[in-house]
Amino acid sequence: MNTNASMIDRFFAVILDLLTFLGLASGIAMLTFSFSEIDSEVEEAVLSRDQLVKLLIIMVITYFVLDVLLVRIFATTPGKLAMNCDVDFHRGNSMIYCILRSFFKVICLFTVVPAIFSYLSGSSNIDSQTYHDRIAKTNVTNTTRMPRFVGVLIVLVSIALLVFFIVNHHDVLGLNIKLGLSDFKIFKF
């Protein structure tokens, strides 16, 4: 019996992880903006290219650190948990293999072309191993040891945090979105 997770489950798990970690990175960015000298500048102008690059770096580092820690501690991420998947380590769940796996995952994920080749490679492989799984000798299985609702709850809270960030800072980010959500009490301080 093949217990490897399907590539469709893994794809949706990655999308949910991106939304989750982007929401958490947005929370970190909101704290960074509110506790720095940028806050006074942010109220009046659009972020410069350098500030947007710093924001992107915060998001990539947040994704990497959370992926390493969650895979090391729980052998899963919120997206994988919501899709009922788990990471199985063949060499043992050591920190160096988690860092190695997450490093190559981030490289493949945030550079689009290697991500496509990695996904296609995993689709054609009988073990459904992408590049970062082959390097770290891991498999993503379709069973998990934690309750699924925990992953769904984490994903939903993080997406809510991301929406809150976009609604409150869309003008600063240079987004011209008129959703009408800022009129609701929940989005006002």
N, C-alpha and C. Protein backbone atom coordinates (compact mmCIF):
# COMPACT_ATOMS: atom_id res chain seq x y z
N MET A 1 0.84 -1.19 0.00
CA MET A 1 0.00 0.00 0.00
C MET A 1 0.88 1.25 0.00
N ASN A 2 0.63 2.14 -0.95
CA ASN A 2 1.40 3.37 -1.07
C ASN A 2 0.79 4.43 -0.17
N THR A 3 1.53 4.88 0.81
CA THR A 3 1.02 5.90 1.73
C THR A 3 1.57 7.28 1.41
N ASN A 4 2.21 7.43 0.26
CA ASN A 4 2.73 8.74 -0.11
C ASN A 4 1.58 9.65 -0.50
N ALA A 5 1.68 10.90 -0.11
CA ALA A 5 0.65 11.88 -0.43
C ALA A 5 0.67 12.17 -1.92
N SER A 6 -0.50 12.41 -2.48
CA SER A 6 -0.57 12.73 -3.90
C SER A 6 -0.02 14.13 -4.14
N MET A 7 0.38 14.38 -5.37
CA MET A 7 0.94 15.69 -5.70
C MET A 7 -0.13 16.78 -5.63
N ILE A 8 -1.38 16.42 -5.81
CA ILE A 8 -2.45 17.41 -5.68
C ILE A 8 -2.59 17.84 -4.23
N ASP A 9 -2.56 16.87 -3.31
CA ASP A 9 -2.60 17.23 -1.88
C ASP A 9 -1.40 18.09 -1.50
N ARG A 10 -0.23 17.73 -2.03
CA ARG A 10 0.98 18.49 -1.72
C ARG A 10 0.90 19.89 -2.30
N PHE A 11 0.34 20.03 -3.51
CA PHE A 11 0.20 21.35 -4.13
C PHE A 11 -0.69 22.25 -3.28
N PHE A 12 -1.84 21.73 -2.87
CA PHE A 12 -2.75 22.54 -2.05
C PHE A 12 -2.14 22.81 -0.67
N ALA A 13 -1.36 21.88 -0.15
CA ALA A 13 -0.68 22.10 1.12
C ALA A 13 0.32 23.24 1.01
N VAL A 14 1.04 23.30 -0.11
CA VAL A 14 2.00 24.39 -0.32
C VAL A 14 1.28 25.73 -0.45
N ILE A 15 0.16 25.75 -1.17
CA ILE A 15 -0.62 26.99 -1.30
C ILE A 15 -1.11 27.44 0.08
N LEU A 16 -1.64 26.52 0.87
CA LEU A 16 -2.10 26.87 2.22
C LEU A 16 -0.94 27.32 3.10
N ASP A 17 0.22 26.67 2.96
CA ASP A 17 1.39 27.10 3.72
C ASP A 17 1.83 28.50 3.32
N LEU A 18 1.81 28.79 2.02
CA LEU A 18 2.18 30.13 1.57
C LEU A 18 1.24 31.17 2.16
N LEU A 19 -0.05 30.91 2.12
CA LEU A 19 -1.01 31.85 2.69
C LEU A 19 -0.82 31.99 4.20
N THR A 20 -0.57 30.86 4.87
CA THR A 20 -0.37 30.88 6.32
C THR A 20 0.87 31.66 6.69
N PHE A 21 1.99 31.33 6.07
CA PHE A 21 3.24 31.98 6.42
C PHE A 21 3.26 33.43 5.95
N LEU A 22 2.54 33.74 4.86
CA LEU A 22 2.42 35.13 4.42
C LEU A 22 1.62 35.92 5.44
N GLY A 23 0.57 35.32 5.99
CA GLY A 23 -0.20 35.98 7.04
C GLY A 23 0.62 36.22 8.29
N LEU A 24 1.40 35.22 8.70
CA LEU A 24 2.25 35.40 9.87
C LEU A 24 3.36 36.42 9.61
N ALA A 25 3.92 36.41 8.40
CA ALA A 25 4.93 37.41 8.04
C ALA A 25 4.32 38.80 8.00
N SER A 26 3.06 38.91 7.59
CA SER A 26 2.38 40.20 7.60
C SER A 26 2.23 40.71 9.03
N GLY A 27 1.94 39.80 9.95
CA GLY A 27 1.87 40.19 11.36
C GLY A 27 3.21 40.69 11.86
N ILE A 28 4.28 40.00 11.48
CA ILE A 28 5.62 40.45 11.86
C ILE A 28 5.92 41.80 11.22
N ALA A 29 5.51 41.97 9.97
CA ALA A 29 5.74 43.25 9.30
C ALA A 29 4.96 44.38 9.97
N MET A 30 3.72 44.09 10.40
CA MET A 30 2.94 45.12 11.10
C MET A 30 3.62 45.52 12.40
N LEU A 31 4.16 44.53 13.12
CA LEU A 31 4.90 44.85 14.35
C LEU A 31 6.16 45.65 14.02
N THR A 32 6.84 45.27 12.95
CA THR A 32 8.05 45.99 12.54
C THR A 32 7.72 47.43 12.18
N PHE A 33 6.62 47.62 11.43
CA PHE A 33 6.23 48.97 11.04
C PHE A 33 5.84 49.80 12.25
N SER A 34 5.11 49.20 13.18
CA SER A 34 4.60 49.99 14.30
C SER A 34 5.67 50.32 15.33
N PHE A 35 6.74 49.52 15.40
CA PHE A 35 7.78 49.77 16.39
C PHE A 35 9.04 50.40 15.79
N SER A 36 8.94 50.92 14.58
CA SER A 36 10.13 51.51 13.97
C SER A 36 9.81 52.92 13.50
N GLU A 37 10.85 53.55 13.00
CA GLU A 37 10.68 54.92 12.49
C GLU A 37 9.96 54.92 11.16
N ILE A 38 9.78 53.74 10.57
CA ILE A 38 9.08 53.66 9.29
C ILE A 38 7.62 54.05 9.47
N ASP A 39 7.07 53.84 10.65
CA ASP A 39 5.65 54.05 10.89
C ASP A 39 5.22 55.47 10.52
N SER A 40 6.00 56.47 10.88
CA SER A 40 5.62 57.84 10.55
C SER A 40 5.71 58.10 9.06
N GLU A 41 6.69 57.46 8.40
CA GLU A 41 6.82 57.62 6.95
C GLU A 41 5.74 56.84 6.22
N VAL A 42 5.34 55.71 6.78
CA VAL A 42 4.39 54.83 6.13
C VAL A 42 3.02 55.47 6.03
N GLU A 43 2.66 56.27 7.01
CA GLU A 43 1.35 56.88 7.00
C GLU A 43 1.17 57.85 5.83
N GLU A 44 2.27 58.39 5.31
CA GLU A 44 2.16 59.44 4.31
C GLU A 44 2.50 59.00 2.90
N ALA A 45 3.30 57.98 2.73
CA ALA A 45 3.78 57.65 1.39
C ALA A 45 3.71 56.16 1.13
N VAL A 46 3.94 55.84 -0.13
CA VAL A 46 4.02 54.45 -0.54
C VAL A 46 5.42 53.94 -0.22
N LEU A 47 5.52 52.67 0.14
CA LEU A 47 6.83 52.09 0.45
C LEU A 47 7.76 52.18 -0.75
N SER A 48 9.01 52.46 -0.48
CA SER A 48 10.00 52.50 -1.55
C SER A 48 10.37 51.09 -1.96
N ARG A 49 11.16 50.98 -3.01
CA ARG A 49 11.60 49.67 -3.48
C ARG A 49 12.43 48.96 -2.42
N ASP A 50 13.29 49.71 -1.72
CA ASP A 50 14.11 49.09 -0.68
C ASP A 50 13.26 48.55 0.46
N GLN A 51 12.23 49.30 0.85
CA GLN A 51 11.36 48.84 1.92
C GLN A 51 10.54 47.62 1.49
N LEU A 52 10.12 47.58 0.22
CA LEU A 52 9.41 46.41 -0.28
C LEU A 52 10.32 45.19 -0.33
N VAL A 53 11.59 45.40 -0.68
CA VAL A 53 12.55 44.29 -0.69
C VAL A 53 12.75 43.78 0.74
N LYS A 54 12.84 44.70 1.71
CA LYS A 54 12.96 44.28 3.11
C LYS A 54 11.73 43.49 3.54
N LEU A 55 10.55 43.92 3.11
CA LEU A 55 9.32 43.20 3.44
C LEU A 55 9.33 41.80 2.81
N LEU A 56 9.79 41.69 1.58
CA LEU A 56 9.89 40.40 0.92
C LEU A 56 10.89 39.49 1.63
N ILE A 57 12.01 40.06 2.05
CA ILE A 57 13.01 39.28 2.78
C ILE A 57 12.44 38.78 4.11
N ILE A 58 11.68 39.64 4.80
CA ILE A 58 11.03 39.22 6.05
C ILE A 58 10.11 38.04 5.78
N MET A 59 9.38 38.09 4.68
CA MET A 59 8.44 37.02 4.36
C MET A 59 9.15 35.71 4.02
N VAL A 60 10.23 35.79 3.25
CA VAL A 60 10.97 34.57 2.88
C VAL A 60 11.65 33.96 4.11
N ILE A 61 12.24 34.81 4.95
CA ILE A 61 12.89 34.30 6.17
C ILE A 61 11.84 33.70 7.11
N THR A 62 10.68 34.34 7.22
CA THR A 62 9.60 33.78 8.05
C THR A 62 9.18 32.42 7.53
N TYR A 63 9.02 32.30 6.21
CA TYR A 63 8.65 31.01 5.63
C TYR A 63 9.70 29.95 5.96
N PHE A 64 10.97 30.29 5.77
CA PHE A 64 12.05 29.33 6.02
C PHE A 64 12.10 28.90 7.48
N VAL A 65 12.09 29.87 8.39
CA VAL A 65 12.22 29.56 9.82
C VAL A 65 11.02 28.74 10.31
N LEU A 66 9.82 29.15 9.94
CA LEU A 66 8.64 28.41 10.38
C LEU A 66 8.59 27.01 9.78
N ASP A 67 9.01 26.88 8.52
CA ASP A 67 9.03 25.56 7.90
C ASP A 67 10.02 24.65 8.62
N VAL A 68 11.22 25.17 8.93
CA VAL A 68 12.22 24.36 9.65
C VAL A 68 11.68 23.94 11.02
N LEU A 69 11.17 24.90 11.78
CA LEU A 69 10.72 24.60 13.14
C LEU A 69 9.51 23.67 13.17
N LEU A 70 8.53 23.93 12.32
CA LEU A 70 7.33 23.10 12.35
C LEU A 70 7.59 21.68 11.86
N VAL A 71 8.43 21.55 10.82
CA VAL A 71 8.76 20.20 10.35
C VAL A 71 9.61 19.48 11.37
N ARG A 72 10.49 20.19 12.04
CA ARG A 72 11.36 19.56 13.06
C ARG A 72 10.55 19.14 14.28
N ILE A 73 9.67 20.00 14.76
CA ILE A 73 8.93 19.71 15.98
C ILE A 73 7.73 18.78 15.74
N PHE A 74 6.93 19.10 14.71
CA PHE A 74 5.68 18.37 14.50
C PHE A 74 5.70 17.44 13.29
N ALA A 75 6.74 17.49 12.46
CA ALA A 75 6.84 16.72 11.22
C ALA A 75 5.73 17.09 10.24
N THR A 76 5.22 18.30 10.35
CA THR A 76 4.19 18.77 9.44
C THR A 76 4.14 20.29 9.48
N THR A 77 3.43 20.88 8.54
CA THR A 77 3.18 22.32 8.52
C THR A 77 1.66 22.51 8.55
N PRO A 78 1.18 23.73 8.78
CA PRO A 78 -0.28 23.91 8.83
C PRO A 78 -0.99 23.49 7.53
N GLY A 79 -0.39 23.78 6.39
CA GLY A 79 -1.00 23.37 5.13
C GLY A 79 -1.03 21.86 4.97
N LYS A 80 0.07 21.21 5.32
CA LYS A 80 0.10 19.75 5.25
C LYS A 80 -0.88 19.15 6.25
N LEU A 81 -0.98 19.75 7.41
CA LEU A 81 -1.90 19.27 8.43
C LEU A 81 -3.35 19.41 7.96
N ALA A 82 -3.67 20.53 7.32
CA ALA A 82 -5.02 20.72 6.79
C ALA A 82 -5.33 19.73 5.68
N MET A 83 -4.31 19.32 4.93
CA MET A 83 -4.50 18.34 3.85
C MET A 83 -4.23 16.91 4.33
N ASN A 84 -4.04 16.72 5.63
CA ASN A 84 -3.82 15.41 6.25
C ASN A 84 -2.53 14.75 5.74
N CYS A 85 -1.45 15.52 5.67
CA CYS A 85 -0.15 15.01 5.24
C CYS A 85 0.87 15.16 6.36
N ASP A 86 1.94 14.41 6.26
CA ASP A 86 3.00 14.40 7.26
C ASP A 86 4.33 14.18 6.55
N VAL A 87 5.43 14.64 7.14
CA VAL A 87 6.76 14.43 6.58
C VAL A 87 7.39 13.24 7.29
N ASP A 88 7.88 12.29 6.50
CA ASP A 88 8.53 11.10 7.03
C ASP A 88 10.02 11.17 6.69
N PHE A 89 10.87 11.15 7.72
CA PHE A 89 12.31 11.25 7.54
C PHE A 89 12.93 9.85 7.51
N HIS A 90 13.71 9.56 6.48
CA HIS A 90 14.38 8.26 6.37
C HIS A 90 15.68 8.23 7.17
N ARG A 91 16.31 9.39 7.33
CA ARG A 91 17.59 9.47 8.05
C ARG A 91 17.42 9.91 9.50
N GLY A 92 16.24 10.11 9.92
CA GLY A 92 16.01 10.64 11.26
C GLY A 92 15.67 12.12 11.18
N ASN A 93 14.87 12.58 12.11
CA ASN A 93 14.39 13.96 12.12
C ASN A 93 15.38 14.86 12.85
N SER A 94 16.55 15.07 12.25
CA SER A 94 17.54 15.95 12.88
C SER A 94 17.41 17.36 12.32
N MET A 95 17.93 18.32 13.06
CA MET A 95 17.82 19.72 12.66
C MET A 95 18.52 19.99 11.34
N ILE A 96 19.66 19.35 11.10
CA ILE A 96 20.40 19.61 9.86
C ILE A 96 19.60 19.17 8.64
N TYR A 97 18.89 18.05 8.73
CA TYR A 97 18.08 17.60 7.60
C TYR A 97 16.85 18.49 7.41
N CYS A 98 16.31 19.01 8.50
CA CYS A 98 15.19 19.94 8.39
C CYS A 98 15.63 21.25 7.73
N ILE A 99 16.80 21.74 8.11
CA ILE A 99 17.33 22.97 7.50
C ILE A 99 17.63 22.73 6.03
N LEU A 100 18.25 21.60 5.72
CA LEU A 100 18.58 21.27 4.34
C LEU A 100 17.31 21.15 3.50
N ARG A 101 16.32 20.47 4.01
CA ARG A 101 15.06 20.29 3.28
C ARG A 101 14.37 21.63 3.05
N SER A 102 14.28 22.44 4.10
CA SER A 102 13.59 23.73 3.98
C SER A 102 14.36 24.70 3.10
N PHE A 103 15.70 24.66 3.16
CA PHE A 103 16.50 25.55 2.31
C PHE A 103 16.22 25.27 0.84
N PHE A 104 16.28 24.02 0.45
CA PHE A 104 16.03 23.69 -0.95
C PHE A 104 14.56 23.86 -1.33
N LYS A 105 13.67 23.70 -0.37
CA LYS A 105 12.25 23.94 -0.63
C LYS A 105 12.01 25.42 -0.91
N VAL A 106 12.64 26.29 -0.13
CA VAL A 106 12.48 27.73 -0.33
C VAL A 106 13.07 28.15 -1.67
N ILE A 107 14.23 27.60 -2.01
CA ILE A 107 14.84 27.92 -3.30
C ILE A 107 13.93 27.48 -4.44
N CYS A 108 13.42 26.26 -4.36
CA CYS A 108 12.53 25.76 -5.41
C CYS A 108 11.21 26.53 -5.45
N LEU A 109 10.71 26.93 -4.30
CA LEU A 109 9.40 27.56 -4.24
C LEU A 109 9.43 29.01 -4.73
N PHE A 110 10.45 29.76 -4.33
CA PHE A 110 10.48 31.18 -4.66
C PHE A 110 11.20 31.49 -5.96
N THR A 111 11.78 30.50 -6.60
CA THR A 111 12.24 30.63 -7.98
C THR A 111 11.36 29.70 -8.78
N VAL A 112 10.52 30.25 -9.60
CA VAL A 112 9.38 29.54 -10.17
C VAL A 112 9.78 28.36 -11.06
N VAL A 113 10.78 28.53 -11.91
CA VAL A 113 11.13 27.47 -12.85
C VAL A 113 11.58 26.19 -12.14
N PRO A 114 12.48 26.25 -11.14
CA PRO A 114 12.81 25.01 -10.43
C PRO A 114 11.60 24.39 -9.72
N ALA A 115 10.67 25.21 -9.28
CA ALA A 115 9.47 24.68 -8.63
C ALA A 115 8.64 23.85 -9.61
N ILE A 116 8.54 24.32 -10.83
CA ILE A 116 7.78 23.58 -11.84
C ILE A 116 8.47 22.25 -12.15
N PHE A 117 9.79 22.30 -12.36
CA PHE A 117 10.53 21.06 -12.63
C PHE A 117 10.48 20.10 -11.44
N SER A 118 10.55 20.64 -10.24
CA SER A 118 10.48 19.80 -9.04
C SER A 118 9.11 19.13 -8.93
N TYR A 119 8.06 19.88 -9.21
CA TYR A 119 6.70 19.32 -9.16
C TYR A 119 6.51 18.26 -10.23
N LEU A 120 6.98 18.53 -11.44
CA LEU A 120 6.86 17.54 -12.51
C LEU A 120 7.68 16.30 -12.20
N SER A 121 8.85 16.50 -11.62
CA SER A 121 9.69 15.37 -11.22
C SER A 121 9.00 14.53 -10.15
N GLY A 122 8.37 15.19 -9.20
CA GLY A 122 7.64 14.48 -8.16
C GLY A 122 6.41 13.77 -8.70
N SER A 123 5.78 14.35 -9.73
CA SER A 123 4.60 13.71 -10.32
C SER A 123 4.96 12.44 -11.06
N SER A 124 6.15 12.43 -11.67
CA SER A 124 6.55 11.25 -12.44
C SER A 124 7.27 10.20 -11.59
N ASN A 125 7.66 10.56 -10.39
CA ASN A 125 8.37 9.64 -9.50
C ASN A 125 7.36 8.77 -8.75
N ILE A 126 7.68 7.50 -8.59
CA ILE A 126 6.76 6.58 -7.91
C ILE A 126 6.59 6.92 -6.44
N ASP A 127 7.61 7.51 -5.82
CA ASP A 127 7.54 7.89 -4.41
C ASP A 127 7.00 9.30 -4.21
N SER A 128 6.67 10.01 -5.28
CA SER A 128 6.20 11.40 -5.23
C SER A 128 7.18 12.30 -4.50
N GLN A 129 8.47 12.10 -4.72
CA GLN A 129 9.49 12.93 -4.08
C GLN A 129 9.89 14.08 -5.00
N THR A 130 9.80 15.28 -4.47
CA THR A 130 10.30 16.45 -5.19
C THR A 130 11.78 16.58 -4.89
N TYR A 131 12.41 17.62 -5.47
CA TYR A 131 13.86 17.77 -5.30
C TYR A 131 14.27 17.86 -3.84
N HIS A 132 13.57 18.69 -3.06
CA HIS A 132 13.97 18.86 -1.66
C HIS A 132 13.73 17.59 -0.85
N ASP A 133 12.78 16.78 -1.26
CA ASP A 133 12.58 15.49 -0.58
C ASP A 133 13.70 14.51 -0.91
N ARG A 134 14.15 14.52 -2.14
CA ARG A 134 15.24 13.62 -2.52
C ARG A 134 16.54 14.01 -1.82
N ILE A 135 16.81 15.30 -1.73
CA ILE A 135 18.05 15.76 -1.10
C ILE A 135 18.06 15.41 0.39
N ALA A 136 16.95 15.63 1.07
CA ALA A 136 16.88 15.37 2.51
C ALA A 136 16.42 13.95 2.84
N LYS A 137 16.16 13.14 1.83
CA LYS A 137 15.70 11.75 2.03
C LYS A 137 14.42 11.71 2.87
N THR A 138 13.41 12.43 2.40
CA THR A 138 12.12 12.46 3.09
C THR A 138 11.01 12.06 2.13
N ASN A 139 9.88 11.71 2.68
CA ASN A 139 8.64 11.48 1.94
C ASN A 139 7.53 12.24 2.64
N VAL A 140 6.56 12.67 1.87
CA VAL A 140 5.36 13.26 2.45
C VAL A 140 4.28 12.20 2.36
N THR A 141 3.78 11.80 3.51
CA THR A 141 2.78 10.73 3.56
C THR A 141 1.38 11.31 3.73
N ASN A 142 0.38 10.48 3.47
CA ASN A 142 -1.00 10.96 3.56
C ASN A 142 -1.64 10.61 4.91
N THR A 143 -0.83 10.49 5.93
CA THR A 143 -1.34 10.30 7.29
C THR A 143 -0.65 11.29 8.20
N THR A 144 -1.35 11.71 9.22
CA THR A 144 -0.76 12.66 10.16
C THR A 144 -1.07 12.21 11.59
N ARG A 145 -0.25 12.67 12.51
CA ARG A 145 -0.41 12.29 13.91
C ARG A 145 -1.16 13.34 14.72
N MET A 146 -1.49 14.45 14.10
CA MET A 146 -2.17 15.53 14.82
C MET A 146 -3.59 15.69 14.30
N PRO A 147 -4.48 16.30 15.09
CA PRO A 147 -5.84 16.54 14.61
C PRO A 147 -5.84 17.53 13.45
N ARG A 148 -6.63 17.22 12.45
CA ARG A 148 -6.66 18.02 11.23
C ARG A 148 -7.20 19.43 11.46
N PHE A 149 -8.14 19.58 12.38
CA PHE A 149 -8.75 20.89 12.60
C PHE A 149 -7.74 21.92 13.11
N VAL A 150 -6.66 21.47 13.74
CA VAL A 150 -5.63 22.40 14.22
C VAL A 150 -4.99 23.10 13.02
N GLY A 151 -4.67 22.34 11.99
CA GLY A 151 -4.09 22.93 10.78
C GLY A 151 -5.05 23.88 10.10
N VAL A 152 -6.32 23.49 10.02
CA VAL A 152 -7.32 24.36 9.40
C VAL A 152 -7.47 25.64 10.20
N LEU A 153 -7.47 25.55 11.52
CA LEU A 153 -7.59 26.73 12.37
C LEU A 153 -6.40 27.67 12.20
N ILE A 154 -5.19 27.11 12.16
CA ILE A 154 -3.99 27.93 11.97
C ILE A 154 -4.03 28.63 10.62
N VAL A 155 -4.42 27.90 9.58
CA VAL A 155 -4.51 28.49 8.24
C VAL A 155 -5.53 29.61 8.22
N LEU A 156 -6.70 29.40 8.79
CA LEU A 156 -7.74 30.43 8.77
C LEU A 156 -7.34 31.68 9.55
N VAL A 157 -6.72 31.51 10.70
CA VAL A 157 -6.27 32.66 11.49
C VAL A 157 -5.19 33.43 10.73
N SER A 158 -4.29 32.72 10.09
CA SER A 158 -3.22 33.39 9.34
C SER A 158 -3.76 34.12 8.13
N ILE A 159 -4.74 33.53 7.45
CA ILE A 159 -5.36 34.22 6.31
C ILE A 159 -6.11 35.46 6.79
N ALA A 160 -6.77 35.37 7.94
CA ALA A 160 -7.44 36.55 8.51
C ALA A 160 -6.43 37.64 8.83
N LEU A 161 -5.27 37.26 9.36
CA LEU A 161 -4.21 38.23 9.64
C LEU A 161 -3.70 38.87 8.35
N LEU A 162 -3.58 38.07 7.29
CA LEU A 162 -3.15 38.60 6.00
C LEU A 162 -4.18 39.59 5.44
N VAL A 163 -5.46 39.25 5.52
CA VAL A 163 -6.51 40.16 5.06
C VAL A 163 -6.50 41.44 5.88
N PHE A 164 -6.34 41.33 7.18
CA PHE A 164 -6.26 42.49 8.05
C PHE A 164 -5.09 43.39 7.64
N PHE A 165 -3.93 42.78 7.34
CA PHE A 165 -2.76 43.54 6.91
C PHE A 165 -3.02 44.25 5.59
N ILE A 166 -3.61 43.56 4.63
CA ILE A 166 -3.85 44.16 3.31
C ILE A 166 -4.87 45.29 3.42
N VAL A 167 -5.92 45.09 4.21
CA VAL A 167 -6.94 46.14 4.35
C VAL A 167 -6.36 47.38 5.02
N ASN A 168 -5.53 47.20 6.03
CA ASN A 168 -4.99 48.35 6.76
C ASN A 168 -3.78 48.98 6.10
N HIS A 169 -3.04 48.24 5.29
CA HIS A 169 -1.80 48.78 4.71
C HIS A 169 -1.78 48.71 3.19
N HIS A 170 -2.95 48.60 2.53
CA HIS A 170 -2.95 48.49 1.08
C HIS A 170 -2.43 49.75 0.40
N ASP A 171 -2.71 50.92 0.96
CA ASP A 171 -2.21 52.15 0.37
C ASP A 171 -0.69 52.26 0.50
N VAL A 172 -0.15 51.76 1.59
CA VAL A 172 1.29 51.79 1.82
C VAL A 172 2.01 50.85 0.86
N LEU A 173 1.39 49.72 0.59
CA LEU A 173 1.99 48.73 -0.31
C LEU A 173 1.82 49.11 -1.77
N GLY A 174 1.09 50.17 -2.05
CA GLY A 174 0.90 50.60 -3.43
C GLY A 174 -0.26 49.89 -4.11
N LEU A 175 -1.10 49.22 -3.34
CA LEU A 175 -2.26 48.53 -3.89
C LEU A 175 -3.44 49.48 -3.87
N ASN A 176 -4.11 49.62 -4.99
CA ASN A 176 -5.26 50.50 -5.08
C ASN A 176 -6.52 49.64 -5.10
N ILE A 177 -6.83 49.07 -3.95
CA ILE A 177 -7.97 48.16 -3.83
C ILE A 177 -9.05 48.84 -3.02
N LYS A 178 -10.23 48.91 -3.58
CA LYS A 178 -11.38 49.49 -2.88
C LYS A 178 -12.35 48.36 -2.54
N LEU A 179 -12.14 47.72 -1.41
CA LEU A 179 -13.01 46.62 -0.99
C LEU A 179 -14.15 47.10 -0.11
N GLY A 180 -14.00 48.26 0.49
CA GLY A 180 -15.00 48.75 1.40
C GLY A 180 -14.95 48.09 2.77
N LEU A 181 -13.91 47.29 3.01
CA LEU A 181 -13.81 46.59 4.28
C LEU A 181 -13.34 47.49 5.41
N SER A 182 -12.66 48.58 5.06
CA SER A 182 -12.14 49.44 6.12
C SER A 182 -13.25 50.20 6.85
N ASP A 183 -14.47 50.14 6.33
CA ASP A 183 -15.59 50.79 7.00
C ASP A 183 -16.10 49.98 8.19
N PHE A 184 -15.77 48.70 8.25
CA PHE A 184 -16.23 47.85 9.34
C PHE A 184 -15.41 48.11 10.60
N LYS A 185 -16.04 47.96 11.76
CA LYS A 185 -15.38 48.23 13.03
C LYS A 185 -14.17 47.35 13.27
N ILE A 186 -14.20 46.13 12.79
CA ILE A 186 -13.12 45.18 13.07
C ILE A 186 -11.79 45.64 12.48
N PHE A 187 -11.83 46.43 11.42
CA PHE A 187 -10.60 46.86 10.77
C PHE A 187 -10.14 48.23 11.22
N LYS A 188 -10.79 48.82 12.22
CA LYS A 188 -10.39 50.12 12.74
C LYS A 188 -9.73 49.94 14.09
N PHE A 189 -8.78 50.80 14.36
CA PHE A 189 -8.08 50.75 15.65
C PHE A 189 -8.75 51.64 16.65
